[in-house]
Amino acid sequence: MAVLPIVEIPDPRLRLVSKPVEAITDETRAFVADMLDTMYDAHGIGLAAIQVGVDSRILVIDLQEEEDEERKPIRKPHAYINPEILSTSDELSTYNEGCLSIPEQYAEVKRPARCRVRWQDETGTAHEEELDGLLATCMQHEIDHLNGVLFIDHISRLKRDMLLKKLNKTRKAG
């Protein structure tokens, strides 16, 4: 498959609300494979289609939490097509989030600790599941992308300004 270029801030496409996928085709499945290749190449755990310039409601996640005997991450990729959050818990959790579209920048973000999500997989099969832990955080982060929202929108203006200033300094130095 192919590694696609990742869209980075301040690209205005990151603020678009992505369109639903009408039909899951071989082209859709090939795009999902390209998204996974791109995510793995960038050492990420999640990627939304808009992050590679496609405004479709598709995201991929692989937390890579387990390792094999050689301490290499075991890949367990998942594609989520037309995902939607049905409900969230009142309980919050905090995670130090980063984003492939905001390279090498991280901030503590509070989100609901659990969420109930509905989606389709690459075969068109519908799923609904209660997610928690890192998967719930990652899912909310990626669905935010599909809605034109970035993790930096969940932090204070002061922290966001400091993070963006640091990013610009890193870009100029690079």
N, C-alpha and C. Protein backbone atom coordinates (compact mmCIF):
# COMPACT_ATOMS: atom_id res chain seq x y z
N MET A 1 0.83 -1.18 0.00
CA MET A 1 0.00 0.00 0.00
C MET A 1 0.88 1.25 0.00
N ALA A 2 0.32 2.38 0.45
CA ALA A 2 1.05 3.64 0.34
C ALA A 2 1.02 4.43 1.64
N VAL A 3 2.10 5.16 1.86
CA VAL A 3 2.15 6.10 2.97
C VAL A 3 1.74 7.46 2.41
N LEU A 4 0.71 8.04 3.00
CA LEU A 4 0.15 9.29 2.52
C LEU A 4 0.74 10.47 3.30
N PRO A 5 0.79 11.66 2.69
CA PRO A 5 1.27 12.84 3.42
C PRO A 5 0.25 13.25 4.49
N ILE A 6 0.76 13.58 5.67
CA ILE A 6 -0.10 13.98 6.78
C ILE A 6 -0.28 15.50 6.78
N VAL A 7 -1.53 15.92 6.86
CA VAL A 7 -1.89 17.33 6.92
C VAL A 7 -1.57 17.85 8.32
N GLU A 8 -0.88 18.99 8.39
CA GLU A 8 -0.51 19.57 9.69
C GLU A 8 -1.13 20.95 9.85
N ILE A 9 -1.31 21.35 11.14
CA ILE A 9 -1.82 22.70 11.39
C ILE A 9 -0.80 23.69 10.84
N PRO A 10 -1.22 24.81 10.32
CA PRO A 10 -2.57 25.40 10.38
C PRO A 10 -3.46 25.09 9.17
N ASP A 11 -3.24 24.00 8.47
CA ASP A 11 -4.02 23.67 7.27
C ASP A 11 -5.52 23.72 7.59
N PRO A 12 -6.29 24.53 6.84
CA PRO A 12 -7.73 24.69 7.13
C PRO A 12 -8.55 23.42 6.95
N ARG A 13 -8.05 22.43 6.22
CA ARG A 13 -8.79 21.18 6.05
C ARG A 13 -9.02 20.48 7.39
N LEU A 14 -8.13 20.72 8.36
CA LEU A 14 -8.29 20.09 9.67
C LEU A 14 -9.53 20.61 10.42
N ARG A 15 -10.12 21.68 9.95
CA ARG A 15 -11.31 22.26 10.59
C ARG A 15 -12.60 21.88 9.87
N LEU A 16 -12.49 21.07 8.81
CA LEU A 16 -13.68 20.64 8.08
C LEU A 16 -14.43 19.56 8.85
N VAL A 17 -15.74 19.53 8.68
CA VAL A 17 -16.56 18.43 9.20
C VAL A 17 -16.62 17.40 8.07
N SER A 18 -16.16 16.20 8.36
CA SER A 18 -16.07 15.16 7.34
C SER A 18 -17.44 14.61 6.97
N LYS A 19 -17.53 14.15 5.72
CA LYS A 19 -18.79 13.64 5.17
C LYS A 19 -18.93 12.14 5.44
N PRO A 20 -20.16 11.68 5.66
CA PRO A 20 -20.38 10.24 5.84
C PRO A 20 -19.98 9.44 4.60
N VAL A 21 -19.55 8.22 4.82
CA VAL A 21 -19.23 7.30 3.73
C VAL A 21 -20.55 6.67 3.31
N GLU A 22 -20.90 6.84 2.04
CA GLU A 22 -22.18 6.33 1.53
C GLU A 22 -22.14 4.83 1.26
N ALA A 23 -21.01 4.36 0.69
CA ALA A 23 -20.87 2.94 0.36
C ALA A 23 -19.44 2.50 0.65
N ILE A 24 -19.30 1.35 1.24
CA ILE A 24 -17.97 0.80 1.52
C ILE A 24 -17.59 -0.10 0.35
N THR A 25 -16.55 0.34 -0.36
CA THR A 25 -16.13 -0.31 -1.60
C THR A 25 -14.70 -0.82 -1.47
N ASP A 26 -14.21 -1.46 -2.52
CA ASP A 26 -12.80 -1.87 -2.56
C ASP A 26 -11.89 -0.65 -2.44
N GLU A 27 -12.33 0.47 -3.03
CA GLU A 27 -11.56 1.71 -2.92
C GLU A 27 -11.48 2.17 -1.46
N THR A 28 -12.58 2.04 -0.74
CA THR A 28 -12.61 2.39 0.69
C THR A 28 -11.63 1.52 1.46
N ARG A 29 -11.66 0.22 1.19
CA ARG A 29 -10.76 -0.71 1.89
C ARG A 29 -9.30 -0.44 1.56
N ALA A 30 -9.00 -0.08 0.31
CA ALA A 30 -7.62 0.26 -0.08
C ALA A 30 -7.18 1.54 0.65
N PHE A 31 -8.10 2.51 0.76
CA PHE A 31 -7.79 3.75 1.48
C PHE A 31 -7.52 3.47 2.95
N VAL A 32 -8.31 2.59 3.57
CA VAL A 32 -8.10 2.21 4.97
C VAL A 32 -6.70 1.60 5.12
N ALA A 33 -6.30 0.74 4.20
CA ALA A 33 -4.96 0.13 4.25
C ALA A 33 -3.88 1.20 4.14
N ASP A 34 -4.08 2.20 3.27
CA ASP A 34 -3.13 3.30 3.15
C ASP A 34 -3.08 4.12 4.43
N MET A 35 -4.23 4.33 5.05
CA MET A 35 -4.27 5.07 6.32
C MET A 35 -3.47 4.32 7.39
N LEU A 36 -3.64 3.01 7.46
CA LEU A 36 -2.90 2.21 8.44
C LEU A 36 -1.40 2.29 8.17
N ASP A 37 -1.00 2.16 6.91
CA ASP A 37 0.42 2.28 6.56
C ASP A 37 0.97 3.63 7.00
N THR A 38 0.18 4.67 6.78
CA THR A 38 0.58 6.04 7.14
C THR A 38 0.71 6.18 8.65
N MET A 39 -0.27 5.66 9.39
CA MET A 39 -0.25 5.74 10.85
C MET A 39 0.96 5.01 11.42
N TYR A 40 1.21 3.78 10.94
CA TYR A 40 2.36 3.01 11.42
C TYR A 40 3.67 3.71 11.08
N ASP A 41 3.77 4.25 9.87
CA ASP A 41 4.99 4.93 9.44
C ASP A 41 5.29 6.13 10.32
N ALA A 42 4.23 6.81 10.79
CA ALA A 42 4.38 8.00 11.63
C ALA A 42 4.43 7.66 13.12
N HIS A 43 4.38 6.37 13.45
CA HIS A 43 4.41 5.90 14.84
C HIS A 43 3.25 6.45 15.66
N GLY A 44 2.07 6.48 15.03
CA GLY A 44 0.87 6.93 15.72
C GLY A 44 0.02 5.75 16.17
N ILE A 45 -1.01 6.05 16.93
CA ILE A 45 -1.95 5.01 17.37
C ILE A 45 -3.35 5.26 16.82
N GLY A 46 -3.54 6.39 16.16
CA GLY A 46 -4.83 6.70 15.55
C GLY A 46 -4.64 7.71 14.44
N LEU A 47 -5.55 7.65 13.45
CA LEU A 47 -5.48 8.57 12.32
C LEU A 47 -6.87 8.71 11.72
N ALA A 48 -7.29 9.95 11.49
CA ALA A 48 -8.57 10.23 10.84
C ALA A 48 -8.30 10.59 9.38
N ALA A 49 -9.25 10.25 8.51
CA ALA A 49 -9.07 10.48 7.08
C ALA A 49 -8.72 11.92 6.75
N ILE A 50 -9.30 12.88 7.45
CA ILE A 50 -9.02 14.29 7.17
C ILE A 50 -7.55 14.61 7.40
N GLN A 51 -6.87 13.84 8.23
CA GLN A 51 -5.44 14.08 8.49
C GLN A 51 -4.57 13.71 7.30
N VAL A 52 -5.16 13.03 6.32
CA VAL A 52 -4.44 12.78 5.06
C VAL A 52 -5.20 13.46 3.91
N GLY A 53 -6.02 14.47 4.27
CA GLY A 53 -6.66 15.31 3.27
C GLY A 53 -7.95 14.81 2.68
N VAL A 54 -8.54 13.76 3.25
CA VAL A 54 -9.79 13.21 2.72
C VAL A 54 -10.89 13.46 3.75
N ASP A 55 -11.94 14.19 3.33
CA ASP A 55 -12.99 14.55 4.29
C ASP A 55 -14.10 13.51 4.32
N SER A 56 -13.72 12.28 4.66
CA SER A 56 -14.66 11.17 4.83
C SER A 56 -14.61 10.72 6.29
N ARG A 57 -15.73 10.23 6.79
CA ARG A 57 -15.83 9.81 8.19
C ARG A 57 -15.25 8.41 8.35
N ILE A 58 -13.92 8.37 8.27
CA ILE A 58 -13.15 7.13 8.44
C ILE A 58 -12.01 7.41 9.40
N LEU A 59 -11.78 6.47 10.32
CA LEU A 59 -10.60 6.58 11.17
C LEU A 59 -10.06 5.18 11.43
N VAL A 60 -8.78 5.14 11.75
CA VAL A 60 -8.14 3.87 12.09
C VAL A 60 -7.45 4.02 13.44
N ILE A 61 -7.42 2.93 14.19
CA ILE A 61 -6.78 2.91 15.51
C ILE A 61 -6.07 1.58 15.70
N ASP A 62 -4.88 1.65 16.25
CA ASP A 62 -4.17 0.46 16.73
C ASP A 62 -3.32 0.90 17.91
N LEU A 63 -3.76 0.54 19.11
CA LEU A 63 -3.06 0.98 20.33
C LEU A 63 -1.72 0.30 20.50
N GLN A 64 -1.51 -0.85 19.85
CA GLN A 64 -0.23 -1.57 19.90
C GLN A 64 0.26 -1.73 21.34
N GLU A 65 -0.64 -2.17 22.21
CA GLU A 65 -0.32 -2.27 23.64
C GLU A 65 0.43 -3.55 24.01
N GLU A 66 0.38 -4.56 23.16
CA GLU A 66 1.06 -5.82 23.46
C GLU A 66 2.32 -5.95 22.62
N GLU A 67 3.28 -6.73 23.12
CA GLU A 67 4.53 -6.95 22.40
C GLU A 67 4.76 -8.44 22.21
N ASP A 68 5.49 -8.78 21.14
CA ASP A 68 5.85 -10.18 20.92
C ASP A 68 7.13 -10.50 21.70
N GLU A 69 7.68 -11.70 21.48
CA GLU A 69 8.87 -12.14 22.22
C GLU A 69 10.08 -11.22 21.97
N GLU A 70 10.11 -10.58 20.81
CA GLU A 70 11.22 -9.68 20.47
C GLU A 70 10.94 -8.23 20.87
N ARG A 71 9.90 -8.04 21.67
CA ARG A 71 9.50 -6.73 22.17
C ARG A 71 9.05 -5.78 21.06
N LYS A 72 8.58 -6.36 19.95
CA LYS A 72 8.00 -5.55 18.87
C LYS A 72 6.49 -5.47 19.12
N PRO A 73 5.90 -4.29 18.86
CA PRO A 73 4.45 -4.17 19.08
C PRO A 73 3.67 -5.14 18.21
N ILE A 74 2.65 -5.73 18.80
CA ILE A 74 1.75 -6.61 18.05
C ILE A 74 0.66 -5.72 17.46
N ARG A 75 0.53 -5.76 16.15
CA ARG A 75 -0.45 -4.92 15.47
C ARG A 75 -1.84 -5.54 15.52
N LYS A 76 -2.79 -4.72 15.94
CA LYS A 76 -4.21 -5.11 15.95
C LYS A 76 -5.00 -3.94 15.38
N PRO A 77 -4.88 -3.74 14.06
CA PRO A 77 -5.52 -2.58 13.44
C PRO A 77 -7.04 -2.70 13.39
N HIS A 78 -7.68 -1.55 13.55
CA HIS A 78 -9.14 -1.47 13.46
C HIS A 78 -9.52 -0.25 12.63
N ALA A 79 -10.48 -0.44 11.74
CA ALA A 79 -11.03 0.67 10.96
C ALA A 79 -12.43 0.96 11.47
N TYR A 80 -12.76 2.22 11.56
CA TYR A 80 -14.06 2.67 12.02
C TYR A 80 -14.63 3.60 10.94
N ILE A 81 -15.70 3.16 10.31
CA ILE A 81 -16.31 3.94 9.24
C ILE A 81 -17.63 4.49 9.75
N ASN A 82 -17.82 5.79 9.53
CA ASN A 82 -19.00 6.51 10.05
C ASN A 82 -19.19 6.32 11.55
N PRO A 83 -18.11 6.48 12.34
CA PRO A 83 -18.26 6.29 13.79
C PRO A 83 -19.05 7.43 14.41
N GLU A 84 -19.80 7.10 15.44
CA GLU A 84 -20.51 8.15 16.17
C GLU A 84 -20.55 7.79 17.65
N ILE A 85 -20.37 8.79 18.48
CA ILE A 85 -20.45 8.60 19.92
C ILE A 85 -21.91 8.72 20.32
N LEU A 86 -22.41 7.67 20.94
CA LEU A 86 -23.81 7.63 21.36
C LEU A 86 -24.00 8.19 22.75
N SER A 87 -23.02 7.95 23.64
CA SER A 87 -23.09 8.47 25.01
C SER A 87 -21.69 8.47 25.61
N THR A 88 -21.53 9.27 26.65
CA THR A 88 -20.26 9.34 27.36
C THR A 88 -20.52 9.30 28.86
N SER A 89 -19.51 8.91 29.60
CA SER A 89 -19.63 8.85 31.06
C SER A 89 -19.46 10.24 31.66
N ASP A 90 -19.99 10.41 32.87
CA ASP A 90 -19.75 11.65 33.61
C ASP A 90 -18.33 11.67 34.16
N GLU A 91 -17.81 10.48 34.45
CA GLU A 91 -16.45 10.36 34.96
C GLU A 91 -15.46 10.78 33.88
N LEU A 92 -14.46 11.55 34.28
CA LEU A 92 -13.45 12.02 33.34
C LEU A 92 -12.12 11.31 33.57
N SER A 93 -11.31 11.29 32.53
CA SER A 93 -9.94 10.81 32.67
C SER A 93 -9.04 11.80 31.94
N THR A 94 -7.80 11.87 32.38
CA THR A 94 -6.84 12.79 31.78
C THR A 94 -5.75 11.98 31.10
N TYR A 95 -5.40 12.39 29.88
CA TYR A 95 -4.36 11.69 29.13
C TYR A 95 -3.48 12.74 28.46
N ASN A 96 -2.20 12.48 28.40
CA ASN A 96 -1.26 13.37 27.73
C ASN A 96 -1.33 13.08 26.24
N GLU A 97 -2.15 13.87 25.54
CA GLU A 97 -2.43 13.62 24.13
C GLU A 97 -1.44 14.32 23.21
N GLY A 98 -1.21 13.68 22.09
CA GLY A 98 -0.44 14.23 20.99
C GLY A 98 -1.23 14.01 19.73
N CYS A 99 -0.70 14.48 18.60
CA CYS A 99 -1.42 14.37 17.34
C CYS A 99 -0.44 14.41 16.19
N LEU A 100 -0.64 13.53 15.22
CA LEU A 100 0.25 13.50 14.05
C LEU A 100 0.15 14.78 13.24
N SER A 101 -0.95 15.52 13.37
CA SER A 101 -1.12 16.79 12.66
C SER A 101 -0.56 17.98 13.44
N ILE A 102 -0.11 17.72 14.66
CA ILE A 102 0.54 18.75 15.49
C ILE A 102 1.80 18.07 16.03
N PRO A 103 2.79 17.87 15.17
CA PRO A 103 3.92 16.99 15.50
C PRO A 103 4.69 17.37 16.78
N GLU A 104 4.96 16.33 17.54
CA GLU A 104 5.83 16.40 18.72
C GLU A 104 5.35 17.37 19.79
N GLN A 105 4.05 17.63 19.84
CA GLN A 105 3.48 18.50 20.86
C GLN A 105 2.45 17.70 21.65
N TYR A 106 2.45 17.89 22.95
CA TYR A 106 1.58 17.11 23.83
C TYR A 106 0.97 18.01 24.89
N ALA A 107 -0.22 17.63 25.34
CA ALA A 107 -0.88 18.37 26.43
C ALA A 107 -1.85 17.45 27.15
N GLU A 108 -2.03 17.70 28.44
CA GLU A 108 -2.99 16.95 29.25
C GLU A 108 -4.40 17.38 28.84
N VAL A 109 -5.22 16.39 28.44
CA VAL A 109 -6.59 16.66 28.02
C VAL A 109 -7.54 15.81 28.85
N LYS A 110 -8.60 16.45 29.36
CA LYS A 110 -9.63 15.72 30.11
C LYS A 110 -10.77 15.39 29.14
N ARG A 111 -11.16 14.11 29.18
CA ARG A 111 -12.27 13.63 28.35
C ARG A 111 -13.07 12.64 29.19
N PRO A 112 -14.28 12.32 28.74
CA PRO A 112 -15.03 11.27 29.42
C PRO A 112 -14.23 9.97 29.45
N ALA A 113 -14.27 9.28 30.58
CA ALA A 113 -13.49 8.05 30.76
C ALA A 113 -14.02 6.90 29.90
N ARG A 114 -15.32 6.95 29.59
CA ARG A 114 -15.93 5.89 28.78
C ARG A 114 -16.85 6.53 27.74
N CYS A 115 -17.01 5.81 26.63
CA CYS A 115 -17.96 6.26 25.62
C CYS A 115 -18.56 5.05 24.90
N ARG A 116 -19.80 5.19 24.50
CA ARG A 116 -20.47 4.15 23.71
C ARG A 116 -20.44 4.63 22.26
N VAL A 117 -19.94 3.78 21.37
CA VAL A 117 -19.71 4.17 19.99
C VAL A 117 -20.36 3.17 19.04
N ARG A 118 -20.88 3.70 17.94
CA ARG A 118 -21.42 2.87 16.86
C ARG A 118 -20.64 3.18 15.59
N TRP A 119 -20.33 2.14 14.79
CA TRP A 119 -19.58 2.31 13.55
C TRP A 119 -19.80 1.10 12.65
N GLN A 120 -19.23 1.21 11.45
CA GLN A 120 -19.17 0.08 10.53
C GLN A 120 -17.70 -0.27 10.32
N ASP A 121 -17.43 -1.56 10.07
CA ASP A 121 -16.06 -1.96 9.73
C ASP A 121 -15.91 -1.97 8.21
N GLU A 122 -14.77 -2.45 7.71
CA GLU A 122 -14.49 -2.41 6.27
C GLU A 122 -15.41 -3.32 5.46
N THR A 123 -16.09 -4.25 6.12
CA THR A 123 -17.03 -5.13 5.40
C THR A 123 -18.44 -4.55 5.38
N GLY A 124 -18.64 -3.46 6.12
CA GLY A 124 -19.97 -2.86 6.22
C GLY A 124 -20.76 -3.34 7.42
N THR A 125 -20.17 -4.24 8.20
CA THR A 125 -20.85 -4.76 9.39
C THR A 125 -20.95 -3.66 10.45
N ALA A 126 -22.13 -3.51 11.02
CA ALA A 126 -22.35 -2.50 12.06
C ALA A 126 -21.91 -3.04 13.41
N HIS A 127 -21.33 -2.17 14.22
CA HIS A 127 -20.88 -2.51 15.57
C HIS A 127 -21.33 -1.42 16.52
N GLU A 128 -21.51 -1.80 17.78
CA GLU A 128 -21.77 -0.84 18.85
C GLU A 128 -21.08 -1.39 20.08
N GLU A 129 -20.30 -0.52 20.75
CA GLU A 129 -19.51 -1.02 21.88
C GLU A 129 -19.24 0.10 22.88
N GLU A 130 -19.13 -0.30 24.15
CA GLU A 130 -18.72 0.61 25.22
C GLU A 130 -17.20 0.55 25.29
N LEU A 131 -16.53 1.68 25.16
CA LEU A 131 -15.08 1.74 25.20
C LEU A 131 -14.63 2.45 26.46
N ASP A 132 -13.46 2.05 26.97
CA ASP A 132 -12.87 2.75 28.11
C ASP A 132 -11.37 2.82 27.95
N GLY A 133 -10.71 3.44 28.92
CA GLY A 133 -9.25 3.54 28.90
C GLY A 133 -8.73 4.31 27.69
N LEU A 134 -7.53 3.91 27.24
CA LEU A 134 -6.88 4.60 26.13
C LEU A 134 -7.71 4.52 24.86
N LEU A 135 -8.40 3.41 24.64
CA LEU A 135 -9.21 3.28 23.43
C LEU A 135 -10.33 4.33 23.41
N ALA A 136 -10.96 4.59 24.54
CA ALA A 136 -12.01 5.61 24.61
C ALA A 136 -11.43 6.99 24.33
N THR A 137 -10.26 7.27 24.89
CA THR A 137 -9.60 8.56 24.66
C THR A 137 -9.25 8.72 23.19
N CYS A 138 -8.64 7.70 22.62
CA CYS A 138 -8.22 7.75 21.23
C CYS A 138 -9.43 7.90 20.30
N MET A 139 -10.49 7.16 20.57
CA MET A 139 -11.69 7.24 19.74
C MET A 139 -12.27 8.65 19.77
N GLN A 140 -12.36 9.25 20.96
CA GLN A 140 -12.89 10.61 21.07
C GLN A 140 -12.00 11.60 20.34
N HIS A 141 -10.68 11.43 20.45
CA HIS A 141 -9.72 12.29 19.77
C HIS A 141 -9.92 12.22 18.26
N GLU A 142 -10.03 10.99 17.73
CA GLU A 142 -10.15 10.82 16.28
C GLU A 142 -11.51 11.27 15.76
N ILE A 143 -12.59 11.01 16.51
CA ILE A 143 -13.91 11.49 16.09
C ILE A 143 -13.93 13.02 16.13
N ASP A 144 -13.23 13.62 17.08
CA ASP A 144 -13.09 15.08 17.08
C ASP A 144 -12.55 15.55 15.73
N HIS A 145 -11.51 14.86 15.21
CA HIS A 145 -10.95 15.24 13.91
C HIS A 145 -12.03 15.23 12.83
N LEU A 146 -12.90 14.22 12.86
CA LEU A 146 -13.96 14.13 11.85
C LEU A 146 -14.94 15.29 11.96
N ASN A 147 -14.95 15.94 13.12
CA ASN A 147 -15.83 17.08 13.37
C ASN A 147 -15.10 18.42 13.32
N GLY A 148 -13.85 18.42 12.86
CA GLY A 148 -13.08 19.66 12.74
C GLY A 148 -12.53 20.19 14.05
N VAL A 149 -12.40 19.31 15.04
CA VAL A 149 -11.92 19.70 16.37
C VAL A 149 -10.55 19.07 16.61
N LEU A 150 -9.63 19.84 17.18
CA LEU A 150 -8.29 19.34 17.51
C LEU A 150 -8.14 19.24 19.02
N PHE A 151 -7.20 18.40 19.47
CA PHE A 151 -7.03 18.23 20.93
C PHE A 151 -6.67 19.55 21.60
N ILE A 152 -6.02 20.44 20.88
CA ILE A 152 -5.64 21.73 21.48
C ILE A 152 -6.86 22.61 21.75
N ASP A 153 -8.01 22.26 21.17
CA ASP A 153 -9.25 22.99 21.46
C ASP A 153 -9.79 22.65 22.84
N HIS A 154 -9.26 21.59 23.45
CA HIS A 154 -9.72 21.15 24.78
C HIS A 154 -8.83 21.66 25.91
N ILE A 155 -7.84 22.48 25.58
CA ILE A 155 -6.95 23.02 26.62
C ILE A 155 -7.12 24.53 26.69
N SER A 156 -6.56 25.13 27.74
CA SER A 156 -6.71 26.57 27.91
C SER A 156 -6.01 27.33 26.78
N ARG A 157 -6.47 28.55 26.57
CA ARG A 157 -5.86 29.39 25.53
C ARG A 157 -4.37 29.59 25.80
N LEU A 158 -4.01 29.78 27.06
CA LEU A 158 -2.60 29.99 27.40
C LEU A 158 -1.76 28.76 27.02
N LYS A 159 -2.23 27.58 27.42
CA LYS A 159 -1.49 26.36 27.08
C LYS A 159 -1.44 26.15 25.57
N ARG A 160 -2.54 26.43 24.87
CA ARG A 160 -2.59 26.27 23.42
C ARG A 160 -1.59 27.22 22.75
N ASP A 161 -1.58 28.48 23.19
CA ASP A 161 -0.66 29.45 22.60
C ASP A 161 0.80 29.05 22.84
N MET A 162 1.09 28.54 24.04
CA MET A 162 2.46 28.09 24.34
C MET A 162 2.84 26.89 23.46
N LEU A 163 1.92 25.95 23.29
CA LEU A 163 2.18 24.77 22.47
C LEU A 163 2.42 25.17 21.01
N LEU A 164 1.60 26.07 20.48
CA LEU A 164 1.76 26.49 19.08
C LEU A 164 3.04 27.29 18.87
N LYS A 165 3.40 28.08 19.87
CA LYS A 165 4.66 28.83 19.79
C LYS A 165 5.85 27.86 19.77
N LYS A 166 5.78 26.83 20.60
CA LYS A 166 6.82 25.81 20.64
C LYS A 166 6.90 25.06 19.30
N LEU A 167 5.74 24.75 18.72
CA LEU A 167 5.71 24.08 17.42
C LEU A 167 6.35 24.94 16.35
N ASN A 168 6.02 26.22 16.30
CA ASN A 168 6.59 27.12 15.31
C ASN A 168 8.10 27.25 15.47
N LYS A 169 8.55 27.28 16.73
CA LYS A 169 9.99 27.36 17.00
C LYS A 169 10.69 26.08 16.50
N THR A 170 10.08 24.93 16.74
CA THR A 170 10.63 23.65 16.28
C THR A 170 10.69 23.61 14.77
N ARG A 171 9.64 24.09 14.10
CA ARG A 171 9.60 24.10 12.63
C ARG A 171 10.70 25.00 12.06
N LYS A 172 10.90 26.17 12.68
CA LYS A 172 11.93 27.10 12.19
C LYS A 172 13.33 26.53 12.38
N ALA A 173 13.53 25.81 13.49
CA ALA A 173 14.84 25.21 13.78
C ALA A 173 15.14 24.02 12.86
N GLY A 174 14.05 23.34 12.39
CA GLY A 174 14.20 22.13 11.58
C GLY A 174 14.53 22.42 10.17
